[in-house]
Protein backbone atom coordinates (compact mmCIF):
# COMPACT_ATOMS: atom_id res chain seq x y z
CA MET A 1 -78.22 -17.58 59.82
CA THR A 2 -75.65 -15.72 62.25
CA PRO A 3 -73.18 -13.38 60.55
CA GLN A 4 -69.75 -14.63 59.88
CA PRO A 5 -66.40 -13.12 61.12
CA PRO A 6 -64.34 -11.50 58.20
CA VAL A 7 -62.08 -14.20 56.71
CA ARG A 8 -58.35 -13.29 57.31
CA THR A 9 -55.93 -13.66 54.27
CA ALA A 10 -52.55 -13.51 53.73
CA GLU A 11 -53.13 -10.01 52.88
CA THR A 12 -55.18 -8.48 55.50
CA HIS A 13 -54.28 -7.60 58.88
CA GLN A 14 -56.54 -6.02 61.69
CA GLU A 15 -55.13 -5.25 65.10
CA ARG A 16 -56.49 -2.89 68.02
CA LEU A 17 -53.74 -1.22 70.32
CA GLY A 18 -55.49 -1.60 73.44
CA LEU A 19 -54.40 -0.58 76.99
CA PRO A 20 -52.82 -3.42 79.46
CA TRP A 21 -55.54 -4.31 82.03
CA TRP A 22 -53.97 -2.18 85.12
CA ALA A 23 -54.25 0.93 83.24
CA TRP A 24 -57.90 0.85 84.17
CA PRO A 25 -57.55 0.41 87.99
CA ALA A 26 -54.54 2.51 87.63
CA SER A 27 -56.33 5.41 86.24
CA LEU A 28 -59.20 4.95 88.94
CA LEU A 29 -56.57 5.36 92.04
CA ILE A 30 -55.08 8.26 90.62
CA GLY A 31 -58.50 9.76 90.22
CA ALA A 32 -59.60 8.65 93.93
CA ILE A 33 -56.36 10.33 95.13
CA LEU A 34 -57.01 13.66 93.48
CA ALA A 35 -60.45 13.57 94.42
CA THR A 36 -59.30 12.68 98.19
CA GLU A 37 -57.28 15.71 98.30
CA LEU A 38 -59.99 18.01 96.92
CA ALA A 39 -62.26 16.72 99.19
CA LEU A 40 -59.74 17.32 102.31
CA GLY A 41 -58.28 20.46 100.85
CA VAL A 42 -61.53 22.46 99.66
CA SER A 43 -64.19 23.19 102.19
CA GLY A 44 -67.60 24.28 101.20
CA ILE A 45 -68.06 21.35 98.72
CA PRO A 46 -69.77 18.26 99.11
CA ASN A 47 -67.17 15.62 100.29
CA TRP A 48 -68.88 13.15 97.40
CA LEU A 49 -68.62 15.86 94.51
CA PRO A 50 -64.87 15.59 93.66
CA TYR A 51 -65.70 11.53 92.97
CA ALA A 52 -68.49 12.11 91.25
CA VAL A 53 -66.38 14.42 88.96
CA LEU A 54 -63.15 13.04 88.83
CA LEU A 55 -63.60 9.11 88.76
CA PRO A 56 -65.86 9.58 85.49
CA ILE A 57 -62.84 11.46 84.04
CA SER A 58 -60.30 9.61 84.70
CA VAL A 59 -61.97 6.55 83.17
CA LEU A 60 -62.79 8.78 79.97
CA LEU A 61 -59.17 10.22 79.51
CA LEU A 62 -58.07 6.30 78.80
CA VAL A 63 -60.60 5.70 76.23
CA PRO A 64 -59.01 7.72 73.33
CA LEU A 65 -55.77 5.59 73.81
CA GLY A 66 -57.09 2.25 73.51
CA ARG A 67 -58.86 2.98 70.46
CA LEU A 68 -55.75 2.75 67.86
CA ARG A 69 -56.40 0.57 64.88
CA VAL A 70 -53.70 -1.16 62.31
CA THR A 71 -55.05 -2.30 59.78
CA VAL A 72 -53.65 -4.04 55.92
CA ASP A 73 -56.93 -3.47 53.98
CA GLY A 74 -56.89 -3.74 50.10
CA ASP A 75 -54.24 -1.28 49.15
CA GLU A 76 -53.59 0.83 52.33
CA PHE A 77 -52.04 0.75 55.21
CA LEU A 78 -54.10 2.33 57.61
CA VAL A 79 -52.63 3.27 61.20
CA ASP A 80 -55.52 5.55 63.01
CA ASP A 81 -56.30 7.93 60.67
CA ALA A 82 -53.19 8.01 58.53
CA ARG A 83 -52.98 6.18 55.09
CA LEU A 84 -50.16 4.84 53.16
CA PRO A 85 -50.33 3.59 49.76
CA VAL A 86 -49.08 -0.23 50.15
CA ALA A 87 -47.38 0.49 46.62
CA VAL A 88 -44.79 3.03 47.86
CA ILE A 89 -43.80 0.23 50.58
CA ALA A 90 -40.03 -0.66 49.94
CA ASP A 91 -39.48 -3.06 52.77
CA VAL A 92 -40.59 -3.88 56.27
CA VAL A 93 -38.62 -4.89 58.98
CA ALA A 94 -40.33 -6.24 62.26
CA LEU A 95 -38.89 -5.08 65.77
CA ASP A 96 -38.28 -6.49 69.21
CA ALA A 97 -38.05 -4.43 71.98
CA ALA A 98 -34.56 -3.26 71.27
CA GLY A 99 -34.60 -2.66 67.68
CA LYS A 100 -38.10 -0.46 68.38
CA ARG A 101 -35.80 1.07 71.26
CA GLU A 102 -32.93 1.66 68.59
CA ALA A 103 -35.45 2.91 65.47
CA LEU A 104 -36.77 5.63 68.08
CA GLY A 105 -33.67 6.73 69.82
CA VAL A 106 -31.10 9.22 68.88
CA GLY A 107 -30.30 8.20 65.57
CA ALA A 108 -34.24 8.52 64.36
CA HIS A 109 -34.69 10.46 61.16
CA PRO A 110 -37.02 13.72 62.66
CA PHE A 111 -39.05 13.36 59.49
CA ALA A 112 -40.21 9.37 60.46
CA PHE A 113 -43.82 8.68 61.00
CA VAL A 114 -44.24 7.27 64.22
CA VAL A 115 -47.24 5.82 65.99
CA GLN A 116 -46.02 4.10 68.99
CA ARG A 117 -47.60 2.94 72.67
CA PRO A 118 -44.98 2.59 75.82
CA TRP A 119 -46.70 -0.75 76.86
CA ILE A 120 -46.32 -2.19 73.77
CA GLY A 121 -42.72 -3.92 73.58
CA THR A 122 -42.67 -4.59 69.49
CA ALA A 123 -43.36 -2.51 66.15
CA VAL A 124 -42.58 -2.64 62.41
CA GLN A 125 -40.57 -0.10 60.74
CA VAL A 126 -42.02 0.30 56.96
CA LEU A 127 -39.45 1.82 54.65
CA LEU A 128 -40.96 3.68 51.90
CA ASP A 129 -39.86 4.49 48.50
CA ASP A 130 -41.72 7.86 47.35
CA PRO A 131 -39.99 10.56 45.97
CA ALA A 132 -42.81 13.10 46.33
CA ASP A 133 -43.02 12.11 50.14
CA PRO A 134 -39.81 13.75 52.57
CA THR A 135 -41.05 11.04 55.11
CA PRO A 136 -38.43 8.08 54.91
CA TYR A 137 -40.07 5.08 57.40
CA TRP A 138 -43.09 4.71 59.33
CA VAL A 139 -42.58 3.16 63.01
CA VAL A 140 -45.81 1.66 64.28
CA SER A 141 -46.29 -0.35 67.25
CA THR A 142 -47.70 -3.77 67.00
CA ARG A 143 -48.27 -6.89 69.27
CA ARG A 144 -47.58 -8.72 66.00
CA PRO A 145 -44.71 -7.53 64.03
CA VAL A 146 -43.65 -10.53 62.14
CA GLU A 147 -47.49 -11.43 60.95
CA LEU A 148 -47.79 -7.63 60.09
CA ALA A 149 -44.46 -7.44 58.30
CA THR A 150 -45.34 -10.37 56.23
CA THR A 151 -48.91 -8.96 55.52
CA LEU A 152 -47.25 -5.61 54.57
CA LEU A 153 -44.48 -7.40 52.31
CA ALA A 154 -46.91 -9.53 50.61
CA VAL A 155 -49.10 -6.73 49.91
CA SER A 156 -46.56 -4.36 49.09
CA ARG A 157 -45.13 -6.83 46.15
CA ARG A 158 -48.77 -7.44 44.31
CA ALA A 159 -49.15 -3.78 44.13
CA ARG A 160 -45.86 -3.10 42.54
CA ALA A 161 -46.07 -6.02 40.10
CA ALA A 162 -49.66 -4.48 39.34
CA GLN A 163 -48.14 -1.21 38.69
CA ALA A 164 -45.26 -2.45 36.68
CA SER A 165 -47.55 -4.44 34.30
């Protein structure tokens, strides 16, 4: 019996905000340019040594950037290591590129929680209703903003209804 992938319902969302394909060759190119500079500029070291050191480092530096996960699971909204109980979500707004730029612009609140990736144009803005928390909202990059906003609203309404009863 083969393992089945997790069933995605209207109340779950999983997404990994990986790097675009061009980031990997660009990183290797930058590493190769730096290695060439070192090989030509520093005498007394073998020519292959800067390449053997800098090319793997240039790839390893990108690995953490592509590991960010955005998940709605149960009663929590998880963005990497940050956790938000869905019961404190007042509203969710799906943002296109212009909306994301405006939400992160000069009018942004200084206490806002922001997890954004510049290579992802869209995002969601999660407005909070928690008197104990000074954070007014979260802005989180996502490739599927409408799906994430719909999921968060559904889970939040369910959690608030359960609290009220």
